Amino acid sequence: MGCYLRAFGRNFDVDAFASDTGIQLVDRFRRGEPRNRASKVLNETSGVVIEISDAKFADFEQQMRDAIEFLRSSRYEVSRVAEYAGVEDVYIDFGVRWPRDPVESWSFEPEIIELLSGLGVGLVLTQYPVS
């Protein structure tokens, strides 16, 4: 799964943003369109997804290293996403495997917290069941 930057908002013009950014988008979705081909549920917001790390679920440390490098090297573009007209929420989403033990912790480097807070970008940890 890896780590992704996600930005969305009800009035976010994702097509205008896509034509005006230097960051490659891995996905974009529009308000009012179905969430996927099989769904009757419609998106309530429009948004974009940007891959930050393709590291595996089990390699949280590599995801974090990639995210820190991405935030350092793409600081200007990330700030543009966060401040773009219509964007209501921006966060970095780390995908990790669902814990096998009853208690498991993931620790974030202080640098990533500092980089994100300076950009107004939130932090999410999403756990996925992995067989």
N, C-alpha and C. Protein backbone atom coordinates (compact mmCIF):
# COMPACT_ATOMS: atom_id res chain seq x y z
N MET A 1 0.83 -1.19 0.00
CA MET A 1 0.00 0.00 0.00
C MET A 1 0.86 1.24 0.00
N GLY A 2 1.71 1.42 0.96
CA GLY A 2 2.59 2.58 0.98
C GLY A 2 2.01 3.78 1.70
N CYS A 3 2.48 4.94 1.29
CA CYS A 3 2.12 6.20 1.94
C CYS A 3 1.68 7.19 0.86
N TYR A 4 0.58 7.89 1.13
CA TYR A 4 -0.01 8.79 0.14
C TYR A 4 -0.36 10.14 0.76
N LEU A 5 -0.27 11.17 -0.05
CA LEU A 5 -0.79 12.49 0.30
C LEU A 5 -2.19 12.56 -0.31
N ARG A 6 -3.17 12.91 0.51
CA ARG A 6 -4.55 13.01 0.05
C ARG A 6 -5.05 14.43 0.33
N ALA A 7 -5.67 15.03 -0.68
CA ALA A 7 -6.24 16.38 -0.54
C ALA A 7 -7.64 16.35 -1.12
N PHE A 8 -8.58 16.97 -0.42
CA PHE A 8 -9.95 16.96 -0.92
C PHE A 8 -10.76 18.12 -0.38
N GLY A 9 -11.87 18.38 -1.05
CA GLY A 9 -12.79 19.43 -0.64
C GLY A 9 -14.02 19.42 -1.53
N ARG A 10 -15.11 19.96 -1.03
CA ARG A 10 -16.36 19.96 -1.79
C ARG A 10 -16.24 20.78 -3.08
N ASN A 11 -15.48 21.85 -3.05
CA ASN A 11 -15.36 22.73 -4.22
C ASN A 11 -13.96 22.74 -4.82
N PHE A 12 -13.23 21.66 -4.63
CA PHE A 12 -11.87 21.52 -5.14
C PHE A 12 -11.94 21.13 -6.62
N ASP A 13 -11.40 21.98 -7.49
CA ASP A 13 -11.37 21.70 -8.93
C ASP A 13 -10.12 20.86 -9.22
N VAL A 14 -10.28 19.55 -9.16
CA VAL A 14 -9.13 18.65 -9.29
C VAL A 14 -8.51 18.70 -10.68
N ASP A 15 -9.31 18.96 -11.70
CA ASP A 15 -8.76 19.01 -13.06
C ASP A 15 -7.89 20.26 -13.25
N ALA A 16 -8.33 21.39 -12.71
CA ALA A 16 -7.52 22.60 -12.77
C ALA A 16 -6.22 22.40 -11.99
N PHE A 17 -6.33 21.78 -10.82
CA PHE A 17 -5.14 21.52 -10.02
C PHE A 17 -4.18 20.60 -10.76
N ALA A 18 -4.70 19.53 -11.36
CA ALA A 18 -3.86 18.57 -12.07
C ALA A 18 -3.08 19.22 -13.21
N SER A 19 -3.69 20.17 -13.89
CA SER A 19 -3.00 20.84 -15.00
C SER A 19 -2.03 21.91 -14.51
N ASP A 20 -2.08 22.21 -13.21
CA ASP A 20 -1.28 23.31 -12.66
C ASP A 20 -0.25 22.86 -11.62
N THR A 21 0.02 21.54 -11.54
CA THR A 21 0.96 21.06 -10.54
C THR A 21 2.09 20.28 -11.19
N GLY A 22 3.22 20.26 -10.53
CA GLY A 22 4.35 19.47 -10.99
C GLY A 22 4.41 18.10 -10.34
N ILE A 23 3.47 17.82 -9.45
CA ILE A 23 3.44 16.54 -8.75
C ILE A 23 2.55 15.57 -9.53
N GLN A 24 3.03 14.35 -9.69
CA GLN A 24 2.25 13.34 -10.39
C GLN A 24 1.14 12.80 -9.49
N LEU A 25 -0.07 12.78 -10.01
CA LEU A 25 -1.22 12.27 -9.28
C LEU A 25 -1.41 10.80 -9.63
N VAL A 26 -1.70 9.98 -8.61
CA VAL A 26 -2.01 8.58 -8.89
C VAL A 26 -3.52 8.36 -8.97
N ASP A 27 -4.28 9.32 -8.49
CA ASP A 27 -5.73 9.22 -8.58
C ASP A 27 -6.33 10.60 -8.40
N ARG A 28 -7.51 10.77 -8.98
CA ARG A 28 -8.33 11.96 -8.72
C ARG A 28 -9.78 11.53 -8.78
N PHE A 29 -10.59 12.17 -7.99
CA PHE A 29 -12.01 11.83 -7.97
C PHE A 29 -12.80 13.12 -7.85
N ARG A 30 -14.04 13.05 -8.30
CA ARG A 30 -14.87 14.24 -8.36
C ARG A 30 -16.16 14.07 -7.56
N ARG A 31 -16.57 15.14 -6.94
CA ARG A 31 -17.83 15.13 -6.19
C ARG A 31 -18.97 14.79 -7.13
N GLY A 32 -19.86 13.91 -6.65
CA GLY A 32 -21.03 13.53 -7.44
C GLY A 32 -20.83 12.30 -8.30
N GLU A 33 -19.58 11.86 -8.48
CA GLU A 33 -19.32 10.64 -9.24
C GLU A 33 -19.33 9.44 -8.30
N PRO A 34 -19.63 8.24 -8.84
CA PRO A 34 -19.57 7.03 -8.00
C PRO A 34 -18.16 6.82 -7.45
N ARG A 35 -18.08 6.29 -6.22
CA ARG A 35 -16.77 6.03 -5.60
C ARG A 35 -15.95 5.04 -6.39
N ASN A 36 -16.61 4.07 -6.99
CA ASN A 36 -15.94 3.13 -7.90
C ASN A 36 -16.99 2.58 -8.85
N ARG A 37 -16.57 1.77 -9.80
CA ARG A 37 -17.48 1.27 -10.83
C ARG A 37 -18.65 0.47 -10.27
N ALA A 38 -18.41 -0.24 -9.18
CA ALA A 38 -19.45 -1.12 -8.62
C ALA A 38 -20.32 -0.42 -7.58
N SER A 39 -20.00 0.81 -7.24
CA SER A 39 -20.69 1.49 -6.14
C SER A 39 -21.79 2.42 -6.63
N LYS A 40 -22.84 2.46 -5.85
CA LYS A 40 -23.90 3.45 -6.09
C LYS A 40 -23.71 4.66 -5.18
N VAL A 41 -22.74 4.56 -4.27
CA VAL A 41 -22.43 5.65 -3.35
C VAL A 41 -21.63 6.71 -4.12
N LEU A 42 -22.05 7.95 -3.99
CA LEU A 42 -21.39 9.04 -4.71
C LEU A 42 -20.39 9.77 -3.81
N ASN A 43 -19.31 10.24 -4.42
CA ASN A 43 -18.32 11.04 -3.69
C ASN A 43 -18.97 12.33 -3.20
N GLU A 44 -18.70 12.66 -1.95
CA GLU A 44 -19.21 13.92 -1.40
C GLU A 44 -18.22 15.05 -1.60
N THR A 45 -16.98 14.71 -1.95
CA THR A 45 -15.95 15.71 -2.19
C THR A 45 -15.18 15.33 -3.46
N SER A 46 -14.38 16.27 -3.92
CA SER A 46 -13.43 16.01 -5.00
C SER A 46 -12.05 15.97 -4.38
N GLY A 47 -11.14 15.19 -4.98
CA GLY A 47 -9.82 15.11 -4.38
C GLY A 47 -8.78 14.48 -5.27
N VAL A 48 -7.56 14.53 -4.77
CA VAL A 48 -6.42 13.95 -5.47
C VAL A 48 -5.63 13.08 -4.49
N VAL A 49 -4.90 12.12 -5.07
CA VAL A 49 -4.04 11.24 -4.31
C VAL A 49 -2.67 11.27 -4.96
N ILE A 50 -1.64 11.45 -4.14
CA ILE A 50 -0.26 11.53 -4.59
C ILE A 50 0.56 10.48 -3.85
N GLU A 51 1.24 9.61 -4.58
CA GLU A 51 2.05 8.58 -3.92
C GLU A 51 3.34 9.20 -3.37
N ILE A 52 3.60 8.89 -2.12
CA ILE A 52 4.81 9.36 -1.46
C ILE A 52 5.80 8.22 -1.30
N SER A 53 5.30 7.02 -1.01
CA SER A 53 6.15 5.86 -0.81
C SER A 53 5.44 4.61 -1.30
N ASP A 54 6.17 3.75 -2.00
CA ASP A 54 5.59 2.46 -2.41
C ASP A 54 6.08 1.32 -1.52
N ALA A 55 6.64 1.68 -0.36
CA ALA A 55 7.11 0.66 0.58
C ALA A 55 5.93 -0.18 1.06
N LYS A 56 6.20 -1.41 1.40
CA LYS A 56 5.17 -2.36 1.80
C LYS A 56 4.55 -1.99 3.16
N PHE A 57 3.40 -2.62 3.45
CA PHE A 57 2.73 -2.42 4.73
C PHE A 57 3.67 -2.64 5.92
N ALA A 58 4.49 -3.67 5.80
CA ALA A 58 5.35 -4.06 6.92
C ALA A 58 6.57 -3.17 7.07
N ASP A 59 6.79 -2.25 6.13
CA ASP A 59 8.00 -1.42 6.17
C ASP A 59 7.65 0.04 6.48
N PHE A 60 7.08 0.23 7.64
CA PHE A 60 6.67 1.56 8.09
C PHE A 60 7.86 2.53 8.14
N GLU A 61 9.02 2.03 8.57
CA GLU A 61 10.20 2.90 8.68
C GLU A 61 10.60 3.45 7.31
N GLN A 62 10.53 2.61 6.27
CA GLN A 62 10.86 3.09 4.92
C GLN A 62 9.83 4.10 4.43
N GLN A 63 8.57 3.84 4.73
CA GLN A 63 7.53 4.81 4.38
C GLN A 63 7.85 6.17 5.00
N MET A 64 8.25 6.16 6.25
CA MET A 64 8.55 7.41 6.94
C MET A 64 9.77 8.10 6.32
N ARG A 65 10.82 7.34 6.01
CA ARG A 65 11.99 7.94 5.36
C ARG A 65 11.61 8.56 4.02
N ASP A 66 10.81 7.84 3.25
CA ASP A 66 10.36 8.37 1.95
C ASP A 66 9.51 9.62 2.13
N ALA A 67 8.65 9.62 3.14
CA ALA A 67 7.79 10.78 3.38
C ALA A 67 8.61 12.01 3.77
N ILE A 68 9.60 11.81 4.62
CA ILE A 68 10.46 12.94 5.01
C ILE A 68 11.19 13.50 3.80
N GLU A 69 11.73 12.63 2.97
CA GLU A 69 12.43 13.07 1.75
C GLU A 69 11.46 13.80 0.81
N PHE A 70 10.27 13.25 0.64
CA PHE A 70 9.27 13.88 -0.21
C PHE A 70 8.91 15.27 0.31
N LEU A 71 8.66 15.39 1.59
CA LEU A 71 8.29 16.68 2.17
C LEU A 71 9.41 17.70 2.07
N ARG A 72 10.63 17.24 2.19
CA ARG A 72 11.78 18.15 2.02
C ARG A 72 11.89 18.62 0.57
N SER A 73 11.82 17.67 -0.37
CA SER A 73 12.07 17.99 -1.78
C SER A 73 10.86 18.62 -2.48
N SER A 74 9.68 18.40 -1.98
CA SER A 74 8.47 18.90 -2.64
C SER A 74 7.68 19.86 -1.76
N ARG A 75 8.38 20.51 -0.86
CA ARG A 75 7.75 21.41 0.11
C ARG A 75 6.85 22.45 -0.56
N TYR A 76 7.34 23.07 -1.61
CA TYR A 76 6.57 24.11 -2.30
C TYR A 76 5.28 23.53 -2.88
N GLU A 77 5.37 22.40 -3.57
CA GLU A 77 4.19 21.79 -4.18
C GLU A 77 3.18 21.33 -3.12
N VAL A 78 3.68 20.79 -2.02
CA VAL A 78 2.78 20.36 -0.95
C VAL A 78 2.05 21.56 -0.36
N SER A 79 2.76 22.67 -0.17
CA SER A 79 2.10 23.86 0.36
C SER A 79 1.06 24.39 -0.63
N ARG A 80 1.32 24.26 -1.93
CA ARG A 80 0.34 24.67 -2.94
C ARG A 80 -0.93 23.81 -2.86
N VAL A 81 -0.75 22.50 -2.64
CA VAL A 81 -1.90 21.62 -2.50
C VAL A 81 -2.73 22.07 -1.29
N ALA A 82 -2.06 22.28 -0.17
CA ALA A 82 -2.75 22.63 1.07
C ALA A 82 -3.49 23.96 0.98
N GLU A 83 -2.97 24.87 0.17
CA GLU A 83 -3.56 26.21 0.06
C GLU A 83 -4.43 26.39 -1.19
N TYR A 84 -4.56 25.35 -1.99
CA TYR A 84 -5.29 25.47 -3.25
C TYR A 84 -6.77 25.75 -2.99
N ALA A 85 -7.36 26.57 -3.83
CA ALA A 85 -8.77 26.93 -3.69
C ALA A 85 -9.65 25.68 -3.64
N GLY A 86 -10.52 25.64 -2.65
CA GLY A 86 -11.47 24.54 -2.52
C GLY A 86 -10.98 23.37 -1.69
N VAL A 87 -9.67 23.31 -1.39
CA VAL A 87 -9.14 22.22 -0.57
C VAL A 87 -9.52 22.47 0.88
N GLU A 88 -10.17 21.49 1.48
CA GLU A 88 -10.59 21.60 2.87
C GLU A 88 -9.74 20.78 3.81
N ASP A 89 -9.14 19.71 3.29
CA ASP A 89 -8.36 18.82 4.16
C ASP A 89 -7.23 18.19 3.36
N VAL A 90 -6.06 18.13 3.98
CA VAL A 90 -4.89 17.50 3.37
C VAL A 90 -4.21 16.69 4.46
N TYR A 91 -3.85 15.47 4.13
CA TYR A 91 -3.14 14.65 5.11
C TYR A 91 -2.25 13.63 4.41
N ILE A 92 -1.26 13.18 5.14
CA ILE A 92 -0.43 12.07 4.69
C ILE A 92 -0.95 10.83 5.39
N ASP A 93 -1.18 9.79 4.58
CA ASP A 93 -1.77 8.55 5.07
C ASP A 93 -0.76 7.41 4.94
N PHE A 94 -0.31 6.90 6.08
CA PHE A 94 0.60 5.76 6.11
C PHE A 94 -0.23 4.48 6.19
N GLY A 95 -0.04 3.58 5.24
CA GLY A 95 -0.74 2.31 5.26
C GLY A 95 0.12 1.23 5.90
N VAL A 96 -0.42 0.62 6.95
CA VAL A 96 0.33 -0.42 7.66
C VAL A 96 -0.57 -1.65 7.81
N ARG A 97 0.06 -2.78 8.09
CA ARG A 97 -0.71 -4.01 8.27
C ARG A 97 -1.44 -3.96 9.61
N TRP A 98 -2.58 -4.62 9.64
CA TRP A 98 -3.34 -4.74 10.88
C TRP A 98 -2.48 -5.49 11.88
N PRO A 99 -2.41 -5.05 13.12
CA PRO A 99 -1.54 -5.71 14.11
C PRO A 99 -1.93 -7.17 14.34
N ARG A 100 -0.92 -7.98 14.49
CA ARG A 100 -1.15 -9.38 14.83
C ARG A 100 -1.25 -9.54 16.34
N ASP A 101 -0.58 -8.67 17.05
CA ASP A 101 -0.60 -8.70 18.51
C ASP A 101 -1.71 -7.78 19.01
N PRO A 102 -2.19 -8.02 20.22
CA PRO A 102 -3.25 -7.16 20.76
C PRO A 102 -2.85 -5.68 20.87
N VAL A 103 -1.57 -5.45 21.09
CA VAL A 103 -1.09 -4.07 21.21
C VAL A 103 0.13 -3.92 20.31
N GLU A 104 0.09 -2.89 19.49
CA GLU A 104 1.23 -2.59 18.62
C GLU A 104 1.28 -1.08 18.44
N SER A 105 2.49 -0.53 18.45
CA SER A 105 2.65 0.92 18.33
C SER A 105 3.51 1.26 17.13
N TRP A 106 3.21 2.39 16.51
CA TRP A 106 4.04 2.94 15.46
C TRP A 106 4.48 4.32 15.95
N SER A 107 5.74 4.59 15.84
CA SER A 107 6.30 5.84 16.34
C SER A 107 6.74 6.72 15.18
N PHE A 108 6.30 7.97 15.18
CA PHE A 108 6.67 8.91 14.13
C PHE A 108 7.90 9.71 14.52
N GLU A 109 8.77 9.92 13.54
CA GLU A 109 9.96 10.75 13.75
C GLU A 109 9.54 12.19 14.02
N PRO A 110 10.20 12.87 14.95
CA PRO A 110 9.86 14.27 15.22
C PRO A 110 9.94 15.15 13.97
N GLU A 111 10.88 14.83 13.08
CA GLU A 111 11.04 15.65 11.88
C GLU A 111 9.79 15.64 11.00
N ILE A 112 9.14 14.49 10.91
CA ILE A 112 7.95 14.44 10.05
C ILE A 112 6.81 15.25 10.66
N ILE A 113 6.71 15.24 11.98
CA ILE A 113 5.69 16.06 12.66
C ILE A 113 5.97 17.54 12.40
N GLU A 114 7.22 17.92 12.50
CA GLU A 114 7.60 19.32 12.26
C GLU A 114 7.32 19.73 10.82
N LEU A 115 7.70 18.89 9.86
CA LEU A 115 7.47 19.21 8.45
C LEU A 115 5.98 19.34 8.15
N LEU A 116 5.19 18.43 8.65
CA LEU A 116 3.76 18.46 8.39
C LEU A 116 3.08 19.66 9.02
N SER A 117 3.42 19.96 10.27
CA SER A 117 2.76 21.07 10.95
C SER A 117 3.09 22.40 10.28
N GLY A 118 4.30 22.52 9.77
CA GLY A 118 4.69 23.74 9.07
C GLY A 118 3.94 23.93 7.77
N LEU A 119 3.40 22.84 7.23
CA LEU A 119 2.66 22.90 5.96
C LEU A 119 1.15 22.86 6.17
N GLY A 120 0.71 22.64 7.40
CA GLY A 120 -0.72 22.52 7.66
C GLY A 120 -1.30 21.21 7.14
N VAL A 121 -0.47 20.17 7.12
CA VAL A 121 -0.88 18.86 6.62
C VAL A 121 -1.05 17.90 7.79
N GLY A 122 -2.16 17.17 7.79
CA GLY A 122 -2.44 16.22 8.86
C GLY A 122 -1.73 14.90 8.66
N LEU A 123 -1.89 14.03 9.66
CA LEU A 123 -1.22 12.74 9.68
C LEU A 123 -2.23 11.65 10.01
N VAL A 124 -2.25 10.60 9.17
CA VAL A 124 -3.18 9.48 9.35
C VAL A 124 -2.40 8.19 9.27
N LEU A 125 -2.78 7.23 10.09
CA LEU A 125 -2.23 5.87 10.04
C LEU A 125 -3.42 4.95 9.79
N THR A 126 -3.43 4.28 8.64
CA THR A 126 -4.53 3.39 8.29
C THR A 126 -4.05 1.96 8.35
N GLN A 127 -4.77 1.14 9.10
CA GLN A 127 -4.41 -0.28 9.26
C GLN A 127 -5.25 -1.12 8.30
N TYR A 128 -4.56 -2.01 7.56
CA TYR A 128 -5.21 -2.88 6.59
C TYR A 128 -5.03 -4.33 7.00
N PRO A 129 -6.08 -5.14 6.87
CA PRO A 129 -5.91 -6.57 7.13
C PRO A 129 -5.10 -7.19 6.01
N VAL A 130 -4.04 -7.89 6.38
CA VAL A 130 -3.15 -8.52 5.40
C VAL A 130 -3.07 -9.99 5.75
N SER A 131 -3.31 -10.86 4.77
CA SER A 131 -3.25 -12.29 5.04
C SER A 131 -1.81 -12.79 4.96
